[in-house]
Amino acid sequence: MSAWPEHALAAAGHPDPYPYYRALAREGWRRDEALGLWMAASRRAVAAVLGSSVCRVRPASAPVPAAIAASPLGEVFGRWLRMNDGEAHAGLRAAVAASLAALSLGEATDAARRLARTFLATDAVDGRRLDDLVDFLPVATLAALLGWPEAALADAAEGIARVCRALSADADDAARERGAEACLALTAELTGLPATGWLRRWRAEFAGLDDAVLCANLLGVLFQSRDAGAGLLSAGIAWRCLGEWDHGYPAEWRARLLQDPVLHHTRRFVEEDVVLAGQPLRAGDQVLVLLAAAAHDPAAEACMDFGRGRHGCPGEALALATAHGALDALEACRPDWRALGGGIVFQGPPNVRMRRFGAGESK
């Protein structure tokens, strides 16, 4: 592979993209004509875009992607608070963040540990099994805490994976149809769950919210947990393959994530002409917000590893708790860490740095 990523959308899958990011951060802004967008790379530029009220998560002309607009998946997408910028949505986002912050991290760690132990007990722990665990556990843990029966957790995780594939930029009609079917099935299951545990707390907290909006946003939480949670867990496993470290302390995770973040970029759509961090932008421009470049800005020390600003991720602590429980379960299996780390490659969505452990293993 080249010593330099081909472009910013390929950087998260590169073995070492950070010299490239540091070079971009020194520039602050760069226009990529081939991709048709601006790149905000310095900490100052990234903070300006994420904090700007004219930089939206969706273009005003297409609040729902056209390819799914007429489908059940499009209806759910349109209700996601993270995909809306109105003042009413801002208040609801804050309430959701507060509700997530109030949930027990100990419960999340215990659930992840238990589910991982059960999952790992069925087969030898090789690279392919680690990949399966990474794909399964983040969604399964949250689904279990919402009351999903354990026997249905694998289907829930696969359903969310289909939703993710349906929303990817390269999804075809078949993938979008499978995603819509999965969305309907997940909605029906969530609606039918008894109001116990975490789900009871959510329904009580948002008693005045339309049931369809609440259900859509609970599915949105599961959706958000999938790729970011998988990237975080795969990073924790990879770091353990390199040697022992104290994965029980969030500060240890954050110290490592300062240097090797999981979420590498997000997008914003400019609604009106504006100047941000010295760069003039026009209405209709698209900005690739390079969070990983900002984290490596030579002129700054702060990191934006999970995304900040108006749409900052509210689930960071839960993701860390889930990864902690999974690593506890893996440690109990006493795997050959060195062997597991011998064939790591980076394969995942363009915005997530995700390790895969079984790419070189025979089937």
Protein backbone atom coordinates (compact mmCIF):
# COMPACT_ATOMS: atom_id res chain seq x y z
CA MET A 1 0.00 0.00 0.00
CA SER A 2 1.09 3.57 -0.69
CA ALA A 3 2.86 5.47 2.07
CA TRP A 4 0.13 8.12 1.71
CA PRO A 5 -3.66 7.61 1.55
CA GLU A 6 -5.16 8.09 -1.91
CA HIS A 7 -7.56 10.69 -0.50
CA ALA A 8 -9.29 11.59 2.75
CA LEU A 9 -12.08 9.04 2.32
CA ALA A 10 -9.46 6.26 2.17
CA ALA A 11 -7.42 7.45 5.15
CA ALA A 12 -9.20 5.51 7.92
CA GLY A 13 -8.29 2.25 6.17
CA HIS A 14 -4.61 3.14 5.75
CA PRO A 15 -2.01 1.49 8.04
CA ASP A 16 -0.68 4.88 9.18
CA PRO A 17 -2.72 7.87 8.01
CA TYR A 18 -1.50 10.24 10.70
CA PRO A 19 1.41 11.91 8.85
CA TYR A 20 -1.13 12.70 6.11
CA TYR A 21 -3.58 14.10 8.64
CA ARG A 22 -0.90 16.24 10.27
CA ALA A 23 -0.03 17.74 6.89
CA LEU A 24 -3.69 18.56 6.27
CA ALA A 25 -4.05 20.03 9.76
CA ARG A 26 -1.18 22.41 9.08
CA GLU A 27 -3.07 23.72 6.06
CA GLY A 28 -6.32 24.07 7.99
CA TRP A 29 -8.51 23.91 4.89
CA ARG A 30 -8.12 22.18 1.54
CA ARG A 31 -10.41 21.90 -1.46
CA ASP A 32 -10.63 18.43 -3.05
CA GLU A 33 -12.05 18.94 -6.52
CA ALA A 34 -12.12 15.20 -7.29
CA LEU A 35 -14.34 14.56 -4.26
CA GLY A 36 -16.25 17.81 -4.77
CA LEU A 37 -15.90 19.07 -1.22
CA TRP A 38 -13.95 21.17 1.25
CA MET A 39 -11.89 19.50 3.94
CA ALA A 40 -11.68 21.09 7.39
CA ALA A 41 -8.58 19.66 9.03
CA SER A 42 -7.13 21.92 11.72
CA ARG A 43 -8.60 21.96 15.18
CA ARG A 44 -9.71 25.56 14.61
CA ALA A 45 -11.43 24.74 11.32
CA VAL A 46 -13.11 21.61 12.67
CA ALA A 47 -14.39 23.42 15.76
CA ALA A 48 -15.75 26.25 13.62
CA VAL A 49 -17.69 23.91 11.34
CA LEU A 50 -19.08 21.73 14.14
CA GLY A 51 -20.17 24.78 16.10
CA SER A 52 -21.75 26.64 13.20
CA SER A 53 -25.52 26.87 12.91
CA VAL A 54 -25.27 27.13 9.11
CA CYS A 55 -23.42 23.82 8.76
CA ARG A 56 -26.11 21.14 8.78
CA VAL A 57 -26.00 17.37 9.05
CA ARG A 58 -28.21 17.08 5.97
CA PRO A 59 -28.67 19.39 2.97
CA ALA A 60 -31.83 21.46 3.25
CA SER A 61 -33.03 20.15 -0.11
CA ALA A 62 -32.68 16.49 0.93
CA PRO A 63 -33.35 15.95 4.65
CA VAL A 64 -33.71 12.24 3.81
CA PRO A 65 -31.48 10.61 1.17
CA ALA A 66 -33.46 10.39 -2.06
CA ALA A 67 -32.72 6.69 -2.50
CA ILE A 68 -34.62 5.78 0.69
CA ALA A 69 -37.07 8.68 0.95
CA ALA A 70 -40.15 6.63 0.01
CA SER A 71 -39.26 3.59 2.14
CA PRO A 72 -39.85 2.61 5.79
CA LEU A 73 -36.14 3.20 6.35
CA GLY A 74 -36.54 6.75 5.06
CA GLU A 75 -39.40 7.38 7.50
CA VAL A 76 -37.24 6.26 10.42
CA PHE A 77 -34.21 8.21 9.16
CA GLY A 78 -36.31 11.37 8.95
CA ARG A 79 -37.19 11.05 12.65
CA TRP A 80 -33.61 10.66 13.88
CA LEU A 81 -32.64 13.56 16.09
CA ARG A 82 -29.03 13.35 14.96
CA MET A 83 -30.19 14.02 11.39
CA ASN A 84 -32.18 17.14 12.25
CA ASP A 85 -31.07 20.65 13.16
CA GLY A 86 -34.23 22.45 14.32
CA GLU A 87 -34.47 24.09 17.73
CA ALA A 88 -37.05 21.53 18.90
CA HIS A 89 -34.71 18.75 17.87
CA ALA A 90 -31.84 20.41 19.74
CA GLY A 91 -33.81 20.20 22.98
CA LEU A 92 -34.64 16.56 22.39
CA ARG A 93 -31.00 15.77 21.58
CA ALA A 94 -29.97 17.27 24.90
CA ALA A 95 -32.62 15.21 26.70
CA VAL A 96 -31.46 12.02 24.98
CA ALA A 97 -27.85 12.76 25.91
CA ALA A 98 -28.87 13.32 29.53
CA SER A 99 -30.83 10.05 29.56
CA LEU A 100 -27.89 8.12 28.16
CA ALA A 101 -25.57 9.71 30.71
CA ALA A 102 -27.89 8.58 33.52
CA LEU A 103 -27.81 4.92 32.51
CA SER A 104 -25.69 2.51 34.54
CA LEU A 105 -22.31 1.90 32.95
CA GLY A 106 -21.85 -1.04 35.30
CA GLU A 107 -24.93 -2.68 33.79
CA ALA A 108 -23.51 -2.16 30.31
CA THR A 109 -20.14 -3.65 31.25
CA ASP A 110 -21.76 -6.64 32.95
CA ALA A 111 -24.07 -7.28 30.00
CA ALA A 112 -21.23 -7.04 27.48
CA ARG A 113 -19.04 -9.35 29.55
CA ARG A 114 -21.81 -11.95 29.86
CA LEU A 115 -22.77 -11.85 26.20
CA ALA A 116 -19.14 -12.01 25.08
CA ARG A 117 -18.46 -15.02 27.29
CA THR A 118 -21.45 -16.84 25.85
CA PHE A 119 -20.48 -15.89 22.30
CA LEU A 120 -16.85 -16.97 22.70
CA ALA A 121 -17.72 -20.27 24.38
CA THR A 122 -19.07 -21.79 21.16
CA ASP A 123 -15.88 -21.71 19.05
CA ALA A 124 -12.13 -21.31 19.29
CA VAL A 125 -10.99 -17.69 19.53
CA ASP A 126 -9.34 -17.05 16.19
CA GLY A 127 -9.29 -13.94 14.01
CA ARG A 128 -12.58 -14.66 12.28
CA ARG A 129 -14.28 -15.23 15.62
CA LEU A 130 -12.97 -11.89 16.84
CA ASP A 131 -14.42 -10.20 13.75
CA ASP A 132 -17.79 -11.82 14.45
CA LEU A 133 -17.63 -10.64 18.08
CA VAL A 134 -16.80 -7.08 17.02
CA ASP A 135 -19.77 -7.05 14.62
CA PHE A 136 -22.17 -8.55 17.16
CA LEU A 137 -21.45 -7.17 20.59
CA PRO A 138 -22.00 -3.36 20.51
CA VAL A 139 -25.55 -3.67 19.16
CA ALA A 140 -26.34 -6.84 21.09
CA THR A 141 -25.36 -5.27 24.42
CA LEU A 142 -27.64 -2.25 23.96
CA ALA A 143 -30.44 -4.42 22.61
CA ALA A 144 -30.18 -6.71 25.64
CA LEU A 145 -30.35 -3.72 27.97
CA LEU A 146 -33.47 -2.54 26.13
CA GLY A 147 -35.10 -5.90 26.80
CA TRP A 148 -34.48 -7.91 23.64
CA PRO A 149 -34.59 -11.66 24.42
CA GLU A 150 -31.14 -13.20 24.29
CA ALA A 151 -32.21 -15.65 21.60
CA ALA A 152 -33.08 -12.71 19.32
CA LEU A 153 -29.92 -10.65 19.81
CA ALA A 154 -28.06 -12.09 16.82
CA ASP A 155 -31.00 -11.21 14.57
CA ALA A 156 -31.13 -7.69 16.05
CA ALA A 157 -27.42 -7.18 15.39
CA GLU A 158 -27.74 -8.46 11.84
CA GLY A 159 -30.80 -6.27 11.28
CA ILE A 160 -28.88 -3.16 12.32
CA ALA A 161 -25.98 -4.27 10.09
CA ARG A 162 -28.41 -4.39 7.15
CA VAL A 163 -29.62 -0.88 7.99
CA CYS A 164 -25.99 0.30 8.00
CA ARG A 165 -25.34 -1.31 4.63
CA ALA A 166 -28.52 0.21 3.20
CA LEU A 167 -27.36 3.70 4.22
CA SER A 168 -23.84 3.39 2.83
CA ALA A 169 -22.95 5.52 -0.17
CA ASP A 170 -22.41 2.48 -2.41
CA ALA A 171 -25.63 0.63 -1.45
CA ASP A 172 -27.57 -0.87 -4.33
CA ASP A 173 -31.33 -1.39 -4.60
CA ALA A 174 -31.11 -4.88 -3.08
CA ALA A 175 -29.19 -3.60 -0.04
CA ARG A 176 -31.69 -0.78 0.46
CA GLU A 177 -34.59 -3.21 0.23
CA ARG A 178 -33.01 -5.50 2.82
CA GLY A 179 -32.39 -2.48 5.04
CA ALA A 180 -36.02 -1.39 4.79
CA GLU A 181 -37.21 -4.92 5.64
CA ALA A 182 -34.86 -5.02 8.61
CA CYS A 183 -36.10 -1.62 9.77
CA LEU A 184 -39.71 -2.83 9.75
CA ALA A 185 -38.81 -5.99 11.65
CA LEU A 186 -36.74 -4.13 14.25
CA THR A 187 -39.49 -1.55 14.75
CA ALA A 188 -42.05 -4.30 15.32
CA GLU A 189 -39.79 -6.05 17.82
CA LEU A 190 -38.98 -2.87 19.72
CA THR A 191 -42.64 -1.86 19.86
CA GLY A 192 -43.54 -5.25 21.30
CA LEU A 193 -40.89 -5.31 24.02
CA PRO A 194 -42.17 -5.13 27.62
CA ALA A 195 -41.36 -1.83 29.31
CA THR A 196 -38.67 -3.10 31.69
CA GLY A 197 -35.11 -2.08 32.50
CA TRP A 198 -33.61 0.62 30.32
CA LEU A 199 -36.64 0.69 28.01
CA ARG A 200 -38.93 1.53 30.92
CA ARG A 201 -36.68 4.46 31.84
CA TRP A 202 -36.66 5.74 28.27
CA ARG A 203 -40.44 5.52 27.94
CA ALA A 204 -40.93 7.29 31.27
CA GLU A 205 -38.42 10.00 30.41
CA PHE A 206 -40.05 10.69 27.03
CA ALA A 207 -43.67 9.99 27.93
CA GLY A 208 -44.85 13.01 25.94
CA LEU A 209 -42.96 12.05 22.79
CA ASP A 210 -44.76 10.42 19.88
CA ASP A 211 -44.23 6.64 20.01
CA ALA A 212 -43.00 6.54 16.42
CA VAL A 213 -40.36 9.20 17.14
CA LEU A 214 -39.21 7.45 20.32
CA CYS A 215 -39.01 4.07 18.58
CA ALA A 216 -37.12 5.54 15.62
CA ASN A 217 -34.57 7.18 17.90
CA LEU A 218 -34.04 4.04 19.95
CA LEU A 219 -33.28 2.29 16.67
CA GLY A 220 -31.03 5.25 15.90
CA VAL A 221 -29.07 4.63 19.10
CA LEU A 222 -28.60 1.00 18.05
CA PHE A 223 -27.56 2.14 14.57
CA GLN A 224 -25.02 4.60 15.97
CA SER A 225 -23.57 1.95 18.27
CA ARG A 226 -22.81 -0.45 15.44
CA ASP A 227 -19.87 0.94 13.47
CA ALA A 228 -18.41 3.26 16.09
CA GLY A 229 -18.73 0.57 18.78
CA ALA A 230 -17.18 -2.04 16.50
CA GLY A 231 -14.30 0.29 15.67
CA LEU A 232 -13.68 0.99 19.36
CA LEU A 233 -13.81 -2.68 20.36
CA SER A 234 -11.54 -3.72 17.50
CA ALA A 235 -9.06 -1.03 18.56
CA GLY A 236 -9.07 -2.27 22.15
CA ILE A 237 -8.44 -5.84 21.00
CA ALA A 238 -5.62 -4.71 18.70
CA TRP A 239 -3.95 -2.76 21.51
CA ARG A 240 -4.19 -5.84 23.75
CA CYS A 241 -2.53 -7.90 21.02
CA LEU A 242 0.44 -5.54 21.28
CA GLY A 243 0.76 -5.99 25.04
CA GLU A 244 -1.10 -5.74 28.32
CA TRP A 245 -2.85 -2.51 29.20
CA ASP A 246 -5.39 -1.44 31.80
CA HIS A 247 -8.58 -1.47 29.74
CA GLY A 248 -10.77 -0.99 32.82
CA TYR A 249 -10.07 2.73 33.04
CA PRO A 250 -11.72 5.17 30.61
CA ALA A 251 -8.71 7.48 30.95
CA GLU A 252 -6.50 4.76 29.46
CA TRP A 253 -8.84 4.43 26.47
CA ARG A 254 -8.97 8.17 25.93
CA ALA A 255 -5.20 8.49 26.09
CA ARG A 256 -4.87 5.93 23.30
CA LEU A 257 -7.73 7.46 21.32
CA LEU A 258 -5.92 10.79 21.35
CA GLN A 259 -3.37 9.16 19.06
CA ASP A 260 -5.53 6.64 17.24
CA PRO A 261 -9.17 7.80 17.10
CA VAL A 262 -12.05 5.64 15.89
CA LEU A 263 -14.25 8.19 14.13
CA HIS A 264 -12.15 9.87 11.43
CA HIS A 265 -14.56 12.21 9.72
CA THR A 266 -18.12 13.43 9.44
CA ARG A 267 -19.90 15.64 6.91
CA ARG A 268 -21.63 18.97 7.04
CA PHE A 269 -23.67 20.84 4.42
CA VAL A 270 -23.43 24.62 4.23
CA GLU A 271 -26.85 26.30 4.22
CA GLU A 272 -25.78 29.88 3.52
CA ASP A 273 -22.66 31.84 2.64
CA VAL A 274 -20.32 32.05 5.61
CA VAL A 275 -16.68 32.52 6.58
CA LEU A 276 -15.40 29.91 9.05
CA ALA A 277 -11.89 29.91 10.52
CA GLY A 278 -10.86 32.25 7.72
CA GLN A 279 -12.31 30.17 4.88
CA PRO A 280 -15.18 31.55 2.76
CA LEU A 281 -17.83 28.90 2.08
CA ARG A 282 -20.83 29.14 -0.21
CA ALA A 283 -24.35 27.89 0.29
CA GLY A 284 -24.50 24.35 -1.07
CA ASP A 285 -20.87 23.51 -0.27
CA GLN A 286 -20.14 20.19 1.40
CA VAL A 287 -17.48 19.96 4.12
CA LEU A 288 -15.65 16.81 5.15
CA VAL A 289 -14.83 17.44 8.81
CA LEU A 290 -11.58 15.58 9.50
CA LEU A 291 -11.82 14.82 13.20
CA ALA A 292 -8.73 12.61 13.11
CA ALA A 293 -6.70 15.40 11.51
CA ALA A 294 -7.84 17.84 14.21
CA ALA A 295 -6.74 15.30 16.83
CA HIS A 296 -3.25 15.39 15.29
CA ASP A 297 -3.11 19.13 14.69
CA PRO A 298 0.49 20.07 15.60
CA ALA A 299 -0.79 23.44 16.82
CA ALA A 300 -3.31 21.94 19.28
CA GLU A 301 -3.37 19.39 22.05
CA ALA A 302 -7.09 18.57 22.28
CA CYS A 303 -8.66 15.58 20.56
CA MET A 304 -12.07 15.17 18.94
CA ASP A 305 -12.20 11.41 18.95
CA PHE A 306 -15.99 10.80 19.08
CA GLY A 307 -17.23 13.97 17.40
CA ARG A 308 -18.13 17.18 19.16
CA GLY A 309 -20.28 20.25 18.60
CA ARG A 310 -24.02 20.43 18.03
CA HIS A 311 -24.24 16.74 17.17
CA GLY A 312 -21.59 15.29 19.49
CA CYS A 313 -21.95 11.60 20.21
CA PRO A 314 -23.80 11.00 23.52
CA GLY A 315 -22.82 7.32 23.74
CA GLU A 316 -19.06 7.49 24.32
CA ALA A 317 -19.17 6.26 27.91
CA LEU A 318 -21.51 3.38 27.00
CA ALA A 319 -19.25 2.33 24.14
CA LEU A 320 -16.24 2.30 26.46
CA ALA A 321 -18.16 0.28 29.05
CA THR A 322 -19.17 -2.28 26.41
CA ALA A 323 -15.61 -2.63 25.12
CA HIS A 324 -14.35 -3.03 28.69
CA GLY A 325 -16.73 -5.94 29.32
CA ALA A 326 -15.77 -7.61 26.05
CA LEU A 327 -12.06 -7.44 26.82
CA ASP A 328 -12.69 -8.91 30.27
CA ALA A 329 -14.35 -11.88 28.59
CA LEU A 330 -11.54 -12.25 26.08
CA GLU A 331 -8.90 -12.17 28.82
CA ALA A 332 -10.71 -15.03 30.57
CA CYS A 333 -10.35 -17.14 27.39
CA ARG A 334 -6.55 -16.74 27.50
CA PRO A 335 -6.12 -16.49 23.73
CA ASP A 336 -2.80 -16.25 21.90
CA TRP A 337 -2.81 -12.47 21.63
CA ARG A 338 0.33 -12.30 19.52
CA ALA A 339 -1.10 -14.69 16.94
CA LEU A 340 -4.42 -12.84 16.87
CA GLY A 341 -2.62 -9.57 16.14
CA GLY A 342 -0.45 -10.96 13.38
CA GLY A 343 -2.75 -10.31 10.44
CA ILE A 344 -4.63 -7.12 11.30
CA VAL A 345 -5.98 -5.10 8.39
CA PHE A 346 -8.17 -1.98 8.35
CA GLN A 347 -11.53 -2.57 6.67
CA GLY A 348 -14.72 -0.74 7.46
CA PRO A 349 -16.87 2.26 6.61
CA PRO A 350 -14.83 5.19 5.24
CA ASN A 351 -15.32 7.26 8.40
CA VAL A 352 -14.42 4.54 10.95
CA ARG A 353 -11.00 3.04 11.69
CA MET A 354 -11.97 -0.60 12.10
CA ARG A 355 -9.58 -3.52 12.52
CA ARG A 356 -10.27 -6.94 11.05
CA PHE A 357 -8.40 -9.90 12.47
CA GLY A 358 -9.36 -12.83 10.26
CA ALA A 359 -8.74 -11.49 6.76
CA GLY A 360 -5.78 -13.79 6.17
CA GLU A 361 -7.24 -16.95 7.70
CA SER A 362 -8.32 -19.84 5.51
CA LYS A 363 -12.02 -20.56 5.39
